[in-house]
Amino acid sequence: MSGGKKCKISMSYAEGSSWTAYESMDLCYAGGPHDQALQVNGAMVATGPNVDHIDPVEAPQFAFELAFGCQISITGLFITQLAD
């Protein structure tokens, strides 16, 4: 956020676990690389069966903002539980 402001988000659960995070936003693109021309074996490629068909110049048309949290603290079962 501009000006050094930070937005904290948190969630608490009935069994006593909780987490706290700073909220952040990023601009995301679905698919392959969008910062360079697509190449296969060193050659520029516009079409083909195994090629991402999104032109990198047009990638911003497919962009979306993604809000997410960067956790800064966890309590309760979040500390001891194992990933599935």
N, C-alpha and C. Protein backbone atom coordinates (compact mmCIF):
# COMPACT_ATOMS: atom_id res chain seq x y z
N MET A 1 0.84 -1.17 0.00
CA MET A 1 0.00 0.00 0.00
C MET A 1 0.89 1.24 0.00
N SER A 2 0.42 2.28 -0.58
CA SER A 2 1.21 3.49 -0.65
C SER A 2 1.27 4.17 0.71
N GLY A 3 2.32 4.95 0.92
CA GLY A 3 2.45 5.70 2.16
C GLY A 3 2.83 4.87 3.36
N GLY A 4 3.23 3.62 3.14
CA GLY A 4 3.66 2.77 4.24
C GLY A 4 2.51 2.22 5.07
N LYS A 5 1.27 2.41 4.65
CA LYS A 5 0.13 1.87 5.39
C LYS A 5 0.04 0.37 5.15
N LYS A 6 -0.34 -0.36 6.21
CA LYS A 6 -0.48 -1.81 6.10
C LYS A 6 -1.87 -2.20 6.58
N CYS A 7 -2.49 -3.11 5.86
CA CYS A 7 -3.81 -3.61 6.22
C CYS A 7 -3.63 -5.01 6.79
N LYS A 8 -4.02 -5.19 8.05
CA LYS A 8 -3.95 -6.50 8.68
C LYS A 8 -5.29 -7.19 8.55
N ILE A 9 -5.24 -8.50 8.28
CA ILE A 9 -6.43 -9.32 8.28
C ILE A 9 -6.19 -10.48 9.23
N SER A 10 -7.25 -11.04 9.77
CA SER A 10 -7.08 -12.16 10.69
C SER A 10 -8.33 -13.03 10.69
N MET A 11 -8.17 -14.24 11.21
CA MET A 11 -9.28 -15.17 11.33
C MET A 11 -9.07 -15.97 12.61
N SER A 12 -10.13 -16.09 13.39
CA SER A 12 -10.11 -16.91 14.61
C SER A 12 -11.18 -17.98 14.48
N TYR A 13 -10.88 -19.16 14.98
CA TYR A 13 -11.78 -20.30 14.88
C TYR A 13 -12.26 -20.71 16.26
N ALA A 14 -13.41 -21.38 16.32
CA ALA A 14 -14.06 -21.74 17.59
C ALA A 14 -13.16 -22.60 18.48
N GLU A 15 -12.33 -23.46 17.88
CA GLU A 15 -11.48 -24.33 18.70
C GLU A 15 -10.25 -23.61 19.24
N GLY A 16 -10.06 -22.34 18.89
CA GLY A 16 -8.98 -21.55 19.47
C GLY A 16 -7.84 -21.20 18.54
N SER A 17 -7.78 -21.80 17.36
CA SER A 17 -6.71 -21.47 16.41
C SER A 17 -6.99 -20.11 15.75
N SER A 18 -5.91 -19.44 15.35
CA SER A 18 -6.07 -18.17 14.65
C SER A 18 -4.85 -17.89 13.80
N TRP A 19 -5.01 -16.95 12.88
CA TRP A 19 -3.89 -16.45 12.09
C TRP A 19 -4.08 -14.96 11.85
N THR A 20 -2.96 -14.27 11.63
CA THR A 20 -2.95 -12.85 11.30
C THR A 20 -2.02 -12.67 10.11
N ALA A 21 -2.39 -11.77 9.20
CA ALA A 21 -1.61 -11.57 7.98
C ALA A 21 -1.70 -10.11 7.53
N TYR A 22 -0.73 -9.69 6.73
CA TYR A 22 -0.82 -8.42 6.03
C TYR A 22 -1.45 -8.71 4.67
N GLU A 23 -2.43 -7.91 4.30
CA GLU A 23 -3.07 -8.09 3.00
C GLU A 23 -2.21 -7.43 1.92
N SER A 24 -2.14 -8.09 0.78
CA SER A 24 -1.37 -7.56 -0.34
C SER A 24 -2.15 -7.81 -1.63
N MET A 25 -1.77 -7.11 -2.68
CA MET A 25 -2.38 -7.27 -4.00
C MET A 25 -1.27 -7.47 -5.01
N ASP A 26 -1.55 -8.29 -6.02
CA ASP A 26 -0.60 -8.48 -7.10
C ASP A 26 -1.39 -8.62 -8.40
N LEU A 27 -0.74 -8.34 -9.51
CA LEU A 27 -1.34 -8.49 -10.82
C LEU A 27 -0.86 -9.83 -11.38
N CYS A 28 -1.80 -10.71 -11.72
CA CYS A 28 -1.47 -12.07 -12.14
C CYS A 28 -1.88 -12.32 -13.58
N TYR A 29 -1.19 -13.24 -14.21
CA TYR A 29 -1.51 -13.68 -15.56
C TYR A 29 -1.63 -15.20 -15.55
N ALA A 30 -2.64 -15.73 -16.20
CA ALA A 30 -2.77 -17.17 -16.35
C ALA A 30 -2.02 -17.60 -17.61
N GLY A 31 -1.36 -18.73 -17.56
CA GLY A 31 -0.68 -19.24 -18.75
C GLY A 31 0.82 -19.11 -18.66
N GLY A 32 1.46 -19.07 -19.82
CA GLY A 32 2.91 -19.09 -19.94
C GLY A 32 3.57 -17.74 -19.71
N PRO A 33 4.81 -17.60 -20.19
CA PRO A 33 5.55 -16.36 -19.97
C PRO A 33 4.89 -15.19 -20.71
N HIS A 34 4.87 -14.04 -20.07
CA HIS A 34 4.23 -12.89 -20.68
C HIS A 34 5.16 -11.68 -20.74
N ASP A 35 6.44 -11.91 -20.55
CA ASP A 35 7.37 -10.80 -20.60
C ASP A 35 8.37 -10.94 -21.75
N GLN A 36 8.14 -11.94 -22.60
CA GLN A 36 9.03 -12.16 -23.74
C GLN A 36 8.27 -12.89 -24.84
N ALA A 37 8.79 -12.86 -26.02
CA ALA A 37 8.16 -13.57 -27.15
C ALA A 37 8.27 -15.07 -26.91
N LEU A 38 7.27 -15.81 -27.38
CA LEU A 38 7.28 -17.26 -27.24
C LEU A 38 8.23 -17.87 -28.25
N GLN A 39 9.03 -18.86 -27.80
CA GLN A 39 10.00 -19.50 -28.67
C GLN A 39 9.99 -21.00 -28.46
N VAL A 40 10.25 -21.73 -29.55
CA VAL A 40 10.45 -23.17 -29.49
C VAL A 40 11.72 -23.46 -30.26
N ASN A 41 12.67 -24.11 -29.61
CA ASN A 41 13.97 -24.42 -30.21
C ASN A 41 14.64 -23.16 -30.78
N GLY A 42 14.51 -22.06 -30.09
CA GLY A 42 15.17 -20.83 -30.50
C GLY A 42 14.47 -20.02 -31.57
N ALA A 43 13.38 -20.55 -32.13
CA ALA A 43 12.65 -19.84 -33.20
C ALA A 43 11.37 -19.24 -32.64
N MET A 44 11.02 -18.05 -33.12
CA MET A 44 9.78 -17.41 -32.73
C MET A 44 8.61 -18.24 -33.25
N VAL A 45 7.60 -18.43 -32.43
CA VAL A 45 6.46 -19.26 -32.80
C VAL A 45 5.17 -18.50 -32.54
N ALA A 46 4.28 -18.51 -33.51
CA ALA A 46 2.98 -17.87 -33.36
C ALA A 46 1.88 -18.90 -33.12
N THR A 47 2.04 -20.10 -33.71
CA THR A 47 1.03 -21.14 -33.56
C THR A 47 1.71 -22.49 -33.42
N GLY A 48 0.96 -23.49 -33.03
CA GLY A 48 1.48 -24.84 -32.90
C GLY A 48 0.72 -25.58 -31.83
N PRO A 49 0.71 -26.92 -31.87
CA PRO A 49 -0.10 -27.70 -30.93
C PRO A 49 0.38 -27.64 -29.48
N ASN A 50 1.66 -27.39 -29.25
CA ASN A 50 2.20 -27.40 -27.90
C ASN A 50 2.68 -26.02 -27.44
N VAL A 51 2.06 -24.98 -27.97
CA VAL A 51 2.51 -23.62 -27.67
C VAL A 51 1.40 -22.82 -27.02
N ASP A 52 1.76 -22.03 -26.05
CA ASP A 52 0.82 -21.09 -25.43
C ASP A 52 0.43 -20.08 -26.49
N HIS A 53 -0.87 -19.95 -26.78
CA HIS A 53 -1.32 -19.10 -27.88
C HIS A 53 -1.56 -17.66 -27.48
N ILE A 54 -1.23 -17.28 -26.26
CA ILE A 54 -1.43 -15.90 -25.83
C ILE A 54 -0.24 -15.06 -26.26
N ASP A 55 -0.48 -14.07 -27.08
CA ASP A 55 0.57 -13.16 -27.52
C ASP A 55 1.00 -12.32 -26.32
N PRO A 56 2.30 -12.30 -25.98
CA PRO A 56 2.76 -11.54 -24.82
C PRO A 56 2.36 -10.06 -24.86
N VAL A 57 2.20 -9.51 -26.04
CA VAL A 57 1.79 -8.11 -26.15
C VAL A 57 0.36 -7.94 -25.66
N GLU A 58 -0.47 -8.97 -25.82
CA GLU A 58 -1.86 -8.91 -25.42
C GLU A 58 -2.12 -9.47 -24.02
N ALA A 59 -1.08 -9.92 -23.33
CA ALA A 59 -1.24 -10.53 -22.02
C ALA A 59 -2.01 -9.68 -21.01
N PRO A 60 -1.82 -8.34 -20.98
CA PRO A 60 -2.57 -7.55 -20.00
C PRO A 60 -4.09 -7.69 -20.11
N GLN A 61 -4.59 -8.09 -21.27
CA GLN A 61 -6.03 -8.30 -21.42
C GLN A 61 -6.50 -9.47 -20.56
N PHE A 62 -5.60 -10.37 -20.20
CA PHE A 62 -5.95 -11.55 -19.42
C PHE A 62 -5.50 -11.44 -17.97
N ALA A 63 -5.04 -10.27 -17.56
CA ALA A 63 -4.56 -10.07 -16.20
C ALA A 63 -5.72 -9.92 -15.23
N PHE A 64 -5.47 -10.29 -13.98
CA PHE A 64 -6.46 -10.08 -12.92
C PHE A 64 -5.72 -9.75 -11.62
N GLU A 65 -6.37 -8.95 -10.79
CA GLU A 65 -5.79 -8.62 -9.50
C GLU A 65 -6.10 -9.76 -8.53
N LEU A 66 -5.10 -10.11 -7.71
CA LEU A 66 -5.25 -11.17 -6.73
C LEU A 66 -4.92 -10.62 -5.36
N ALA A 67 -5.87 -10.68 -4.45
CA ALA A 67 -5.63 -10.28 -3.07
C ALA A 67 -5.21 -11.52 -2.28
N PHE A 68 -4.20 -11.39 -1.44
CA PHE A 68 -3.74 -12.51 -0.64
C PHE A 68 -3.17 -11.99 0.66
N GLY A 69 -2.97 -12.88 1.60
CA GLY A 69 -2.41 -12.50 2.89
C GLY A 69 -1.05 -13.13 3.11
N CYS A 70 -0.13 -12.35 3.65
CA CYS A 70 1.19 -12.84 4.05
C CYS A 70 1.14 -13.03 5.57
N GLN A 71 1.05 -14.29 6.01
CA GLN A 71 0.87 -14.56 7.42
C GLN A 71 2.06 -14.09 8.24
N ILE A 72 1.74 -13.48 9.38
CA ILE A 72 2.78 -13.02 10.30
C ILE A 72 2.68 -13.70 11.65
N SER A 73 1.53 -14.36 11.91
CA SER A 73 1.42 -15.13 13.16
C SER A 73 0.34 -16.20 13.01
N ILE A 74 0.56 -17.33 13.72
CA ILE A 74 -0.41 -18.42 13.77
C ILE A 74 -0.46 -18.94 15.21
N THR A 75 -1.61 -19.48 15.60
CA THR A 75 -1.75 -20.05 16.92
C THR A 75 -2.54 -21.35 16.83
N GLY A 76 -2.54 -22.10 17.93
CA GLY A 76 -3.35 -23.30 18.04
C GLY A 76 -2.94 -24.39 17.07
N LEU A 77 -3.93 -25.02 16.44
CA LEU A 77 -3.68 -26.18 15.59
C LEU A 77 -2.88 -25.84 14.33
N PHE A 78 -2.84 -24.57 13.92
CA PHE A 78 -2.03 -24.20 12.75
C PHE A 78 -0.55 -24.49 13.01
N ILE A 79 -0.14 -24.49 14.25
CA ILE A 79 1.26 -24.74 14.58
C ILE A 79 1.58 -26.23 14.48
N THR A 80 0.66 -27.09 14.91
CA THR A 80 0.96 -28.52 15.01
C THR A 80 0.43 -29.37 13.87
N GLN A 81 -0.55 -28.88 13.10
CA GLN A 81 -1.13 -29.73 12.06
C GLN A 81 -0.18 -29.95 10.89
N LEU A 82 -0.31 -31.09 10.25
CA LEU A 82 0.50 -31.45 9.09
C LEU A 82 -0.29 -31.15 7.83
N ALA A 83 0.43 -30.87 6.75
CA ALA A 83 -0.23 -30.64 5.45
C ALA A 83 -0.84 -31.94 4.96
N ASP A 84 -1.96 -31.82 4.26
CA ASP A 84 -2.62 -33.01 3.70
C ASP A 84 -1.88 -33.48 2.47
